[in-house]
PDB file of all heavy atoms in Angstrom:
ATOM      1  N   VAL A   1      -1.261  -2.901   3.757  1.00  0.00           N
ATOM      2  CA  VAL A   1      -2.440  -3.296   4.527  1.00  0.00           C
ATOM      3  C   VAL A   1      -3.680  -2.977   3.707  1.00  0.00           C
ATOM      4  O   VAL A   1      -3.717  -1.980   2.974  1.00  0.00           O
ATOM      5  CB  VAL A   1      -2.487  -2.565   5.891  1.00  0.00           C
ATOM      6  CG1 VAL A   1      -2.586  -1.048   5.718  1.00  0.00           C
ATOM      7  CG2 VAL A   1      -3.634  -3.070   6.760  1.00  0.00           C
ATOM      8  N   ASN A   2      -4.695  -3.848   3.802  1.00  0.00           N
ATOM      9  CA  ASN A   2      -5.992  -3.534   3.179  1.00  0.00           C
ATOM     10  C   ASN A   2      -7.164  -3.904   4.072  1.00  0.00           C
ATOM     11  O   ASN A   2      -8.326  -3.797   3.654  1.00  0.00           O
ATOM     12  CB  ASN A   2      -6.132  -4.231   1.820  1.00  0.00           C
ATOM     13  CG  ASN A   2      -6.428  -5.730   1.940  1.00  0.00           C
ATOM     14  OD1 ASN A   2      -6.258  -6.332   3.007  1.00  0.00           O
ATOM     15  ND2 ASN A   2      -6.861  -6.341   0.849  1.00  0.00           N
ATOM     16  N   ASP A   3      -6.895  -4.358   5.290  1.00  0.00           N
ATOM     17  CA  ASP A   3      -7.937  -4.832   6.203  1.00  0.00           C
ATOM     18  C   ASP A   3      -8.941  -3.710   6.482  1.00  0.00           C
ATOM     19  O   ASP A   3      -8.581  -2.675   7.061  1.00  0.00           O
ATOM     20  CB  ASP A   3      -7.289  -5.290   7.511  1.00  0.00           C
ATOM     21  CG  ASP A   3      -8.264  -5.977   8.443  1.00  0.00           C
ATOM     22  OD1 ASP A   3      -9.492  -5.814   8.266  1.00  0.00           O
ATOM     23  OD2 ASP A   3      -7.807  -6.671   9.373  1.00  0.00           O
ATOM     24  N   PRO A   4     -10.222  -3.882   6.089  1.00  0.00           N
ATOM     25  CA  PRO A   4     -11.207  -2.836   6.341  1.00  0.00           C
ATOM     26  C   PRO A   4     -11.420  -2.548   7.826  1.00  0.00           C
ATOM     27  O   PRO A   4     -11.885  -1.449   8.180  1.00  0.00           O
ATOM     28  CB  PRO A   4     -12.486  -3.404   5.716  1.00  0.00           C
ATOM     29  CG  PRO A   4     -12.013  -4.386   4.700  1.00  0.00           C
ATOM     30  CD  PRO A   4     -10.771  -4.994   5.303  1.00  0.00           C
ATOM     31  N   PHE A   5     -11.088  -3.501   8.667  1.00  0.00           N
ATOM     32  CA  PHE A   5     -11.280  -3.307  10.104  1.00  0.00           C
ATOM     33  C   PHE A   5      -9.994  -2.816  10.780  1.00  0.00           C
ATOM     34  O   PHE A   5      -9.906  -2.787  12.004  1.00  0.00           O
ATOM     35  CB  PHE A   5     -11.799  -4.603  10.729  1.00  0.00           C
ATOM     36  CG  PHE A   5     -13.150  -4.988  10.170  1.00  0.00           C
ATOM     37  CD1 PHE A   5     -13.251  -5.857   9.089  1.00  0.00           C
ATOM     38  CD2 PHE A   5     -14.316  -4.434  10.685  1.00  0.00           C
ATOM     39  CE1 PHE A   5     -14.484  -6.186   8.554  1.00  0.00           C
ATOM     40  CE2 PHE A   5     -15.552  -4.762  10.153  1.00  0.00           C
ATOM     41  CZ  PHE A   5     -15.650  -5.631   9.085  1.00  0.00           C
ATOM     42  N   ARG A   6      -9.029  -2.434   9.969  1.00  0.00           N
ATOM     43  CA  ARG A   6      -7.834  -1.730  10.448  1.00  0.00           C
ATOM     44  C   ARG A   6      -7.686  -0.420   9.671  1.00  0.00           C
ATOM     45  O   ARG A   6      -6.620  -0.041   9.246  1.00  0.00           O
ATOM     46  CB  ARG A   6      -6.579  -2.587  10.269  1.00  0.00           C
ATOM     47  CG  ARG A   6      -6.416  -3.749  11.265  1.00  0.00           C
ATOM     48  CD  ARG A   6      -5.115  -4.463  10.934  1.00  0.00           C
ATOM     49  NE  ARG A   6      -4.679  -5.428  11.924  1.00  0.00           N
ATOM     50  CZ  ARG A   6      -4.871  -6.743  11.824  1.00  0.00           C
ATOM     51  NH1 ARG A   6      -5.548  -7.236  10.803  1.00  0.00           N
ATOM     52  NH2 ARG A   6      -4.387  -7.568  12.736  1.00  0.00           N
ATOM     53  N   GLY A   7      -8.794   0.265   9.480  1.00  0.00           N
ATOM     54  CA  GLY A   7      -8.757   1.546   8.801  1.00  0.00           C
ATOM     55  C   GLY A   7      -8.922   1.474   7.306  1.00  0.00           C
ATOM     56  O   GLY A   7      -8.854   2.500   6.615  1.00  0.00           O
ATOM     57  N   GLY A   8      -9.145   0.288   6.770  1.00  0.00           N
ATOM     58  CA  GLY A   8      -9.344   0.166   5.333  1.00  0.00           C
ATOM     59  C   GLY A   8     -10.759   0.534   4.927  1.00  0.00           C
ATOM     60  O   GLY A   8     -11.589   0.926   5.747  1.00  0.00           O
ATOM     61  N   THR A   9     -11.014   0.414   3.645  1.00  0.00           N
ATOM     62  CA  THR A   9     -12.339   0.727   3.119  1.00  0.00           C
ATOM     63  C   THR A   9     -12.974  -0.551   2.569  1.00  0.00           C
ATOM     64  O   THR A   9     -13.903  -1.079   3.134  1.00  0.00           O
ATOM     65  CB  THR A   9     -12.224   1.817   2.039  1.00  0.00           C
ATOM     66  OG1 THR A   9     -11.101   1.529   1.194  1.00  0.00           O
ATOM     67  CG2 THR A   9     -11.998   3.175   2.679  1.00  0.00           C
ATOM     68  N   HIS A  10     -12.436  -1.057   1.456  1.00  0.00           N
ATOM     69  CA  HIS A  10     -12.756  -2.423   1.019  1.00  0.00           C
ATOM     70  C   HIS A  10     -11.471  -3.057   0.504  1.00  0.00           C
ATOM     71  O   HIS A  10     -10.451  -2.385   0.320  1.00  0.00           O
ATOM     72  CB  HIS A  10     -13.901  -2.460   0.007  1.00  0.00           C
ATOM     73  CG  HIS A  10     -13.686  -1.621  -1.216  1.00  0.00           C
ATOM     74  ND1 HIS A  10     -14.669  -1.395  -2.156  1.00  0.00           N
ATOM     75  CD2 HIS A  10     -12.602  -0.919  -1.667  1.00  0.00           C
ATOM     76  CE1 HIS A  10     -14.198  -0.626  -3.117  1.00  0.00           C
ATOM     77  NE2 HIS A  10     -12.962  -0.337  -2.849  1.00  0.00           N
ATOM     78  N   LEU A  11     -11.485  -4.358   0.285  1.00  0.00           N
ATOM     79  CA  LEU A  11     -10.235  -5.089   0.066  1.00  0.00           C
ATOM     80  C   LEU A  11      -9.447  -4.650  -1.166  1.00  0.00           C
ATOM     81  O   LEU A  11      -8.207  -4.702  -1.139  1.00  0.00           O
ATOM     82  CB  LEU A  11     -10.523  -6.596   0.004  1.00  0.00           C
ATOM     83  CG  LEU A  11     -11.064  -7.221   1.295  1.00  0.00           C
ATOM     84  CD1 LEU A  11     -11.271  -8.724   1.113  1.00  0.00           C
ATOM     85  CD2 LEU A  11     -10.121  -6.967   2.473  1.00  0.00           C
ATOM     86  N   PRO A  12     -10.079  -4.244  -2.273  1.00  0.00           N
ATOM     87  CA  PRO A  12      -9.255  -3.812  -3.412  1.00  0.00           C
ATOM     88  C   PRO A  12      -8.384  -2.588  -3.129  1.00  0.00           C
ATOM     89  O   PRO A  12      -7.404  -2.358  -3.845  1.00  0.00           O
ATOM     90  CB  PRO A  12     -10.298  -3.502  -4.496  1.00  0.00           C
ATOM     91  CG  PRO A  12     -11.477  -4.347  -4.141  1.00  0.00           C
ATOM     92  CD  PRO A  12     -11.510  -4.337  -2.645  1.00  0.00           C
ATOM     93  N   ASP A  13      -8.722  -1.803  -2.121  1.00  0.00           N
ATOM     94  CA  ASP A  13      -7.929  -0.622  -1.775  1.00  0.00           C
ATOM     95  C   ASP A  13      -6.764  -1.039  -0.879  1.00  0.00           C
ATOM     96  O   ASP A  13      -6.940  -1.315   0.309  1.00  0.00           O
ATOM     97  CB  ASP A  13      -8.783   0.416  -1.044  1.00  0.00           C
ATOM     98  CG  ASP A  13      -9.747   1.125  -1.966  1.00  0.00           C
ATOM     99  OD1 ASP A  13      -9.510   1.130  -3.190  1.00  0.00           O
ATOM    100  OD2 ASP A  13     -10.751   1.681  -1.469  1.00  0.00           O
ATOM    101  N   ILE A  14      -5.570  -1.089  -1.456  1.00  0.00           N
ATOM    102  CA  ILE A  14      -4.376  -1.490  -0.717  1.00  0.00           C
ATOM    103  C   ILE A  14      -3.564  -0.249  -0.377  1.00  0.00           C
ATOM    104  O   ILE A  14      -3.256   0.575  -1.246  1.00  0.00           O
ATOM    105  CB  ILE A  14      -3.524  -2.486  -1.523  1.00  0.00           C
ATOM    106  CG1 ILE A  14      -4.328  -3.760  -1.802  1.00  0.00           C
ATOM    107  CG2 ILE A  14      -2.236  -2.818  -0.772  1.00  0.00           C
ATOM    108  CD1 ILE A  14      -3.582  -4.786  -2.629  1.00  0.00           C
ATOM    109  N   THR A  15      -3.227  -0.112   0.894  1.00  0.00           N
ATOM    110  CA  THR A  15      -2.456   1.030   1.390  1.00  0.00           C
ATOM    111  C   THR A  15      -1.013   0.604   1.616  1.00  0.00           C
ATOM    112  O   THR A  15      -0.752  -0.483   2.131  1.00  0.00           O
ATOM    113  CB  THR A  15      -3.061   1.555   2.703  1.00  0.00           C
ATOM    114  OG1 THR A  15      -4.405   1.958   2.466  1.00  0.00           O
ATOM    115  CG2 THR A  15      -2.272   2.743   3.244  1.00  0.00           C
ATOM    116  N   LEU A  16      -0.089   1.472   1.228  1.00  0.00           N
ATOM    117  CA  LEU A  16       1.344   1.226   1.406  1.00  0.00           C
ATOM    118  C   LEU A  16       1.932   2.399   2.187  1.00  0.00           C
ATOM    119  O   LEU A  16       1.785   3.555   1.783  1.00  0.00           O
ATOM    120  CB  LEU A  16       2.029   1.085   0.052  1.00  0.00           C
ATOM    121  CG  LEU A  16       3.484   0.605   0.065  1.00  0.00           C
ATOM    122  CD1 LEU A  16       3.557  -0.829   0.582  1.00  0.00           C
ATOM    123  CD2 LEU A  16       4.093   0.679  -1.335  1.00  0.00           C
ATOM    124  N   VAL A  17       2.588   2.095   3.308  1.00  0.00           N
ATOM    125  CA  VAL A  17       3.114   3.113   4.222  1.00  0.00           C
ATOM    126  C   VAL A  17       4.638   3.001   4.279  1.00  0.00           C
ATOM    127  O   VAL A  17       5.186   1.902   4.386  1.00  0.00           O
ATOM    128  CB  VAL A  17       2.532   2.934   5.640  1.00  0.00           C
ATOM    129  CG1 VAL A  17       3.012   4.048   6.574  1.00  0.00           C
ATOM    130  CG2 VAL A  17       1.004   2.901   5.593  1.00  0.00           C
ATOM    131  N   ALA A  18       5.313   4.163   4.215  1.00  0.00           N
ATOM    132  CA  ALA A  18       6.778   4.188   4.281  1.00  0.00           C
ATOM    133  C   ALA A  18       7.230   5.289   5.231  1.00  0.00           C
ATOM    134  O   ALA A  18       6.606   6.349   5.314  1.00  0.00           O
ATOM    135  CB  ALA A  18       7.375   4.421   2.898  1.00  0.00           C
ATOM    136  N   PRO A  19       8.350   5.067   5.964  1.00  0.00           N
ATOM    137  CA  PRO A  19       8.860   6.074   6.894  1.00  0.00           C
ATOM    138  C   PRO A  19       9.818   7.043   6.204  1.00  0.00           C
ATOM    139  O   PRO A  19      10.385   6.740   5.153  1.00  0.00           O
ATOM    140  CB  PRO A  19       9.611   5.236   7.921  1.00  0.00           C
ATOM    141  CG  PRO A  19      10.173   4.103   7.087  1.00  0.00           C
ATOM    142  CD  PRO A  19       9.144   3.816   6.013  1.00  0.00           C
ATOM    143  N   VAL A  20      10.000   8.192   6.832  1.00  0.00           N
ATOM    144  CA  VAL A  20      11.027   9.148   6.401  1.00  0.00           C
ATOM    145  C   VAL A  20      11.896   9.438   7.616  1.00  0.00           C
ATOM    146  O   VAL A  20      11.413   9.994   8.619  1.00  0.00           O
ATOM    147  CB  VAL A  20      10.402  10.448   5.867  1.00  0.00           C
ATOM    148  CG1 VAL A  20      11.503  11.423   5.440  1.00  0.00           C
ATOM    149  CG2 VAL A  20       9.463  10.150   4.699  1.00  0.00           C
ATOM    150  N   PHE A  21      13.160   9.046   7.539  1.00  0.00           N
ATOM    151  CA  PHE A  21      14.086   9.228   8.648  1.00  0.00           C
ATOM    152  C   PHE A  21      14.956  10.464   8.416  1.00  0.00           C
ATOM    153  O   PHE A  21      15.126  10.922   7.284  1.00  0.00           O
ATOM    154  CB  PHE A  21      14.989   8.002   8.801  1.00  0.00           C
ATOM    155  CG  PHE A  21      14.319   6.801   9.378  1.00  0.00           C
ATOM    156  CD1 PHE A  21      13.657   5.893   8.556  1.00  0.00           C
ATOM    157  CD2 PHE A  21      14.344   6.567  10.748  1.00  0.00           C
ATOM    158  CE1 PHE A  21      13.038   4.775   9.087  1.00  0.00           C
ATOM    159  CE2 PHE A  21      13.728   5.452  11.289  1.00  0.00           C
ATOM    160  CZ  PHE A  21      13.074   4.549  10.461  1.00  0.00           C
ATOM    161  N   ALA A  22      15.502  10.975   9.508  1.00  0.00           N
ATOM    162  CA  ALA A  22      16.488  12.061   9.452  1.00  0.00           C
ATOM    163  C   ALA A  22      17.475  11.842  10.590  1.00  0.00           C
ATOM    164  O   ALA A  22      17.100  11.925  11.765  1.00  0.00           O
ATOM    165  CB  ALA A  22      15.811  13.424   9.584  1.00  0.00           C
ATOM    166  N   ASP A  23      18.703  11.532  10.263  1.00  0.00           N
ATOM    167  CA  ASP A  23      19.748  11.336  11.274  1.00  0.00           C
ATOM    168  C   ASP A  23      19.429  10.194  12.223  1.00  0.00           C
ATOM    169  O   ASP A  23      19.669  10.285  13.435  1.00  0.00           O
ATOM    170  CB  ASP A  23      19.980  12.628  12.077  1.00  0.00           C
ATOM    171  CG  ASP A  23      20.351  13.789  11.174  1.00  0.00           C
ATOM    172  OD1 ASP A  23      21.083  13.545  10.191  1.00  0.00           O
ATOM    173  OD2 ASP A  23      19.911  14.912  11.443  1.00  0.00           O
ATOM    174  N   GLY A  24      18.869   9.116  11.713  1.00  0.00           N
ATOM    175  CA  GLY A  24      18.606   7.950  12.551  1.00  0.00           C
ATOM    176  C   GLY A  24      17.448   8.162  13.497  1.00  0.00           C
ATOM    177  O   GLY A  24      16.627   9.060  13.327  1.00  0.00           O
ATOM    178  N   GLY A  25      17.369   7.330  14.529  1.00  0.00           N
ATOM    179  CA  GLY A  25      16.286   7.443  15.495  1.00  0.00           C
ATOM    180  C   GLY A  25      14.959   7.014  14.907  1.00  0.00           C
ATOM    181  O   GLY A  25      14.877   6.137  14.041  1.00  0.00           O
ATOM    182  N   ARG A  26      13.894   7.658  15.373  1.00  0.00           N
ATOM    183  CA  ARG A  26      12.548   7.325  14.914  1.00  0.00           C
ATOM    184  C   ARG A  26      12.216   8.120  13.656  1.00  0.00           C
ATOM    185  O   ARG A  26      12.786   9.183  13.403  1.00  0.00           O
ATOM    186  CB  ARG A  26      11.534   7.637  16.010  1.00  0.00           C
ATOM    187  CG  ARG A  26      11.749   6.827  17.290  1.00  0.00           C
ATOM    188  CD  ARG A  26      10.689   7.185  18.316  1.00  0.00           C
ATOM    189  NE  ARG A  26       9.343   6.930  17.812  1.00  0.00           N
ATOM    190  CZ  ARG A  26       8.227   7.310  18.444  1.00  0.00           C
ATOM    191  NH1 ARG A  26       8.303   7.971  19.585  1.00  0.00           N
ATOM    192  NH2 ARG A  26       7.049   7.039  17.923  1.00  0.00           N
ATOM    193  N   PRO A  27      11.259   7.645  12.855  1.00  0.00           N
ATOM    194  CA  PRO A  27      10.852   8.402  11.671  1.00  0.00           C
ATOM    195  C   PRO A  27      10.330   9.788  12.042  1.00  0.00           C
ATOM    196  O   PRO A  27       9.656   9.960  13.064  1.00  0.00           O
ATOM    197  CB  PRO A  27       9.748   7.536  11.063  1.00  0.00           C
ATOM    198  CG  PRO A  27      10.022   6.151  11.560  1.00  0.00           C
ATOM    199  CD  PRO A  27      10.572   6.333  12.941  1.00  0.00           C
ATOM    200  N   VAL A  28      10.622  10.757  11.200  1.00  0.00           N
ATOM    201  CA  VAL A  28      10.139  12.121  11.385  1.00  0.00           C
ATOM    202  C   VAL A  28       8.790  12.302  10.700  1.00  0.00           C
ATOM    203  O   VAL A  28       7.921  13.026  11.187  1.00  0.00           O
ATOM    204  CB  VAL A  28      11.148  13.134  10.828  1.00  0.00           C
ATOM    205  CG1 VAL A  28      10.717  14.556  11.115  1.00  0.00           C
ATOM    206  CG2 VAL A  28      12.529  12.877  11.391  1.00  0.00           C
ATOM    207  N   PHE A  29       8.634  11.650   9.566  1.00  0.00           N
ATOM    208  CA  PHE A  29       7.384  11.685   8.798  1.00  0.00           C
ATOM    209  C   PHE A  29       7.116  10.291   8.235  1.00  0.00           C
ATOM    210  O   PHE A  29       7.985   9.409   8.267  1.00  0.00           O
ATOM    211  CB  PHE A  29       7.469  12.691   7.631  1.00  0.00           C
ATOM    212  CG  PHE A  29       7.541  14.129   8.044  1.00  0.00           C
ATOM    213  CD1 PHE A  29       8.765  14.778   8.087  1.00  0.00           C
ATOM    214  CD2 PHE A  29       6.397  14.820   8.379  1.00  0.00           C
ATOM    215  CE1 PHE A  29       8.847  16.105   8.460  1.00  0.00           C
ATOM    216  CE2 PHE A  29       6.461  16.155   8.763  1.00  0.00           C
ATOM    217  CZ  PHE A  29       7.680  16.803   8.802  1.00  0.00           C
ATOM    218  N   TYR A  30       5.906  10.136   7.711  1.00  0.00           N
ATOM    219  CA  TYR A  30       5.540   8.952   6.941  1.00  0.00           C
ATOM    220  C   TYR A  30       4.849   9.420   5.661  1.00  0.00           C
ATOM    221  O   TYR A  30       4.213  10.477   5.644  1.00  0.00           O
ATOM    222  CB  TYR A  30       4.577   8.042   7.721  1.00  0.00           C
ATOM    223  CG  TYR A  30       5.161   7.459   8.981  1.00  0.00           C
ATOM    224  CD1 TYR A  30       5.031   8.135  10.196  1.00  0.00           C
ATOM    225  CD2 TYR A  30       5.832   6.243   8.969  1.00  0.00           C
ATOM    226  CE1 TYR A  30       5.566   7.615  11.361  1.00  0.00           C
ATOM    227  CE2 TYR A  30       6.369   5.709  10.138  1.00  0.00           C
ATOM    228  CZ  TYR A  30       6.231   6.399  11.325  1.00  0.00           C
ATOM    229  OH  TYR A  30       6.771   5.883  12.475  1.00  0.00           O
ATOM    230  N   VAL A  31       4.981   8.636   4.608  1.00  0.00           N
ATOM    231  CA  VAL A  31       4.200   8.845   3.398  1.00  0.00           C
ATOM    232  C   VAL A  31       3.381   7.590   3.166  1.00  0.00           C
ATOM    233  O   VAL A  31       3.784   6.480   3.528  1.00  0.00           O
ATOM    234  CB  VAL A  31       5.087   9.152   2.174  1.00  0.00           C
ATOM    235  CG1 VAL A  31       5.750  10.507   2.323  1.00  0.00           C
ATOM    236  CG2 VAL A  31       6.138   8.065   1.960  1.00  0.00           C
ATOM    237  N   ALA A  32       2.210   7.773   2.569  1.00  0.00           N
ATOM    238  CA  ALA A  32       1.342   6.630   2.316  1.00  0.00           C
ATOM    239  C   ALA A  32       0.519   6.887   1.071  1.00  0.00           C
ATOM    240  O   ALA A  32       0.195   8.035   0.736  1.00  0.00           O
ATOM    241  CB  ALA A  32       0.419   6.377   3.515  1.00  0.00           C
ATOM    242  N   ASN A  33       0.202   5.805   0.390  1.00  0.00           N
ATOM    243  CA  ASN A  33      -0.733   5.906  -0.731  1.00  0.00           C
ATOM    244  C   ASN A  33      -1.676   4.715  -0.693  1.00  0.00           C
ATOM    245  O   ASN A  33      -1.351   3.653  -0.161  1.00  0.00           O
ATOM    246  CB  ASN A  33      -0.005   6.003  -2.072  1.00  0.00           C
ATOM    247  CG  ASN A  33       0.756   4.744  -2.450  1.00  0.00           C
ATOM    248  OD1 ASN A  33       0.165   3.745  -2.833  1.00  0.00           O
ATOM    249  ND2 ASN A  33       2.096   4.795  -2.331  1.00  0.00           N
ATOM    250  N   ARG A  34      -2.854   4.932  -1.237  1.00  0.00           N
ATOM    251  CA  ARG A  34      -3.881   3.881  -1.314  1.00  0.00           C
ATOM    252  C   ARG A  34      -4.349   3.806  -2.756  1.00  0.00           C
ATOM    253  O   ARG A  34      -4.704   4.828  -3.357  1.00  0.00           O
ATOM    254  CB  ARG A  34      -5.050   4.210  -0.385  1.00  0.00           C
ATOM    255  CG  ARG A  34      -6.212   3.232  -0.459  1.00  0.00           C
ATOM    256  CD  ARG A  34      -7.222   3.476   0.659  1.00  0.00           C
ATOM    257  NE  ARG A  34      -6.662   3.093   1.956  1.00  0.00           N
ATOM    258  CZ  ARG A  34      -7.320   3.190   3.112  1.00  0.00           C
ATOM    259  NH1 ARG A  34      -8.556   3.671   3.152  1.00  0.00           N
ATOM    260  NH2 ARG A  34      -6.747   2.811   4.236  1.00  0.00           N
ATOM    261  N   ALA A  35      -4.325   2.605  -3.330  1.00  0.00           N
ATOM    262  CA  ALA A  35      -4.726   2.414  -4.721  1.00  0.00           C
ATOM    263  C   ALA A  35      -5.705   1.254  -4.825  1.00  0.00           C
ATOM    264  O   ALA A  35      -5.566   0.246  -4.123  1.00  0.00           O
ATOM    265  CB  ALA A  35      -3.504   2.152  -5.598  1.00  0.00           C
ATOM    266  N   HIS A  36      -6.684   1.424  -5.700  1.00  0.00           N
ATOM    267  CA  HIS A  36      -7.682   0.371  -5.916  1.00  0.00           C
ATOM    268  C   HIS A  36      -7.153  -0.596  -6.975  1.00  0.00           C
ATOM    269  O   HIS A  36      -6.981  -0.233  -8.134  1.00  0.00           O
ATOM    270  CB  HIS A  36      -9.008   0.984  -6.380  1.00  0.00           C
ATOM    271  CG  HIS A  36     -10.102  -0.022  -6.532  1.00  0.00           C
ATOM    272  ND1 HIS A  36     -11.229  -0.029  -5.747  1.00  0.00           N
ATOM    273  CD2 HIS A  36     -10.251  -1.082  -7.376  1.00  0.00           C
ATOM    274  CE1 HIS A  36     -12.020  -1.022  -6.095  1.00  0.00           C
ATOM    275  NE2 HIS A  36     -11.433  -1.688  -7.092  1.00  0.00           N
ATOM    276  N   HIS A  37      -6.913  -1.838  -6.552  1.00  0.00           N
ATOM    277  CA  HIS A  37      -6.471  -2.888  -7.461  1.00  0.00           C
ATOM    278  C   HIS A  37      -7.694  -3.580  -8.058  1.00  0.00           C
ATOM    279  O   HIS A  37      -8.636  -3.921  -7.333  1.00  0.00           O
ATOM    280  CB  HIS A  37      -5.591  -3.898  -6.726  1.00  0.00           C
ATOM    281  CG  HIS A  37      -4.224  -3.360  -6.414  1.00  0.00           C
ATOM    282  ND1 HIS A  37      -3.092  -3.778  -7.080  1.00  0.00           N
ATOM    283  CD2 HIS A  37      -3.811  -2.418  -5.518  1.00  0.00           C
ATOM    284  CE1 HIS A  37      -2.039  -3.124  -6.614  1.00  0.00           C
ATOM    285  NE2 HIS A  37      -2.453  -2.294  -5.660  1.00  0.00           N
ATOM    286  N   SER A  38      -7.663  -3.779  -9.363  1.00  0.00           N
ATOM    287  CA  SER A  38      -8.847  -4.280 -10.063  1.00  0.00           C
ATOM    288  C   SER A  38      -9.220  -5.708  -9.699  1.00  0.00           C
ATOM    289  O   SER A  38     -10.304  -6.169 -10.063  1.00  0.00           O
ATOM    290  CB  SER A  38      -8.634  -4.181 -11.578  1.00  0.00           C
ATOM    291  OG  SER A  38      -8.537  -2.833 -11.969  1.00  0.00           O
ATOM    292  N   ASP A  39      -8.336  -6.418  -9.005  1.00  0.00           N
ATOM    293  CA  ASP A  39      -8.688  -7.747  -8.515  1.00  0.00           C
ATOM    294  C   ASP A  39      -7.756  -8.118  -7.376  1.00  0.00           C
ATOM    295  O   ASP A  39      -6.534  -7.968  -7.492  1.00  0.00           O
ATOM    296  CB  ASP A  39      -8.580  -8.796  -9.620  1.00  0.00           C
ATOM    297  CG  ASP A  39      -9.167 -10.136  -9.205  1.00  0.00           C
ATOM    298  OD1 ASP A  39     -10.375 -10.345  -9.427  1.00  0.00           O
ATOM    299  OD2 ASP A  39      -8.423 -10.959  -8.631  1.00  0.00           O
ATOM    300  N   VAL A  40      -8.344  -8.584  -6.270  1.00  0.00           N
ATOM    301  CA  VAL A  40      -7.555  -9.104  -5.146  1.00  0.00           C
ATOM    302  C   VAL A  40      -8.101 -10.469  -4.725  1.00  0.00           C
ATOM    303  O   VAL A  40      -8.078 -10.841  -3.557  1.00  0.00           O
ATOM    304  CB  VAL A  40      -7.546  -8.125  -3.944  1.00  0.00           C
ATOM    305  CG1 VAL A  40      -6.724  -6.886  -4.269  1.00  0.00           C
ATOM    306  CG2 VAL A  40      -8.959  -7.741  -3.511  1.00  0.00           C
ATOM    307  N   GLY A  41      -8.585 -11.227  -5.719  1.00  0.00           N
ATOM    308  CA  GLY A  41      -9.132 -12.544  -5.436  1.00  0.00           C
ATOM    309  C   GLY A  41     -10.587 -12.485  -5.032  1.00  0.00           C
ATOM    310  O   GLY A  41     -11.308 -11.541  -5.339  1.00  0.00           O
ATOM    311  N   GLY A  42     -11.034 -13.529  -4.340  1.00  0.00           N
ATOM    312  CA  GLY A  42     -12.427 -13.577  -3.910  1.00  0.00           C
ATOM    313  C   GLY A  42     -13.310 -14.312  -4.892  1.00  0.00           C
ATOM    314  O   GLY A  42     -12.863 -14.877  -5.893  1.00  0.00           O
TER     315      GLY A  42
END
């Protein structure tokens, strides 16, 4: 996701979210990173 109106900052900053499961069910934790891409069009 990079939408500034969904918690983003500006479009080059792309966030990637991943779950961490333990014994099935719902995720226990999540990890996320945000990186500035030098070009996303425009």
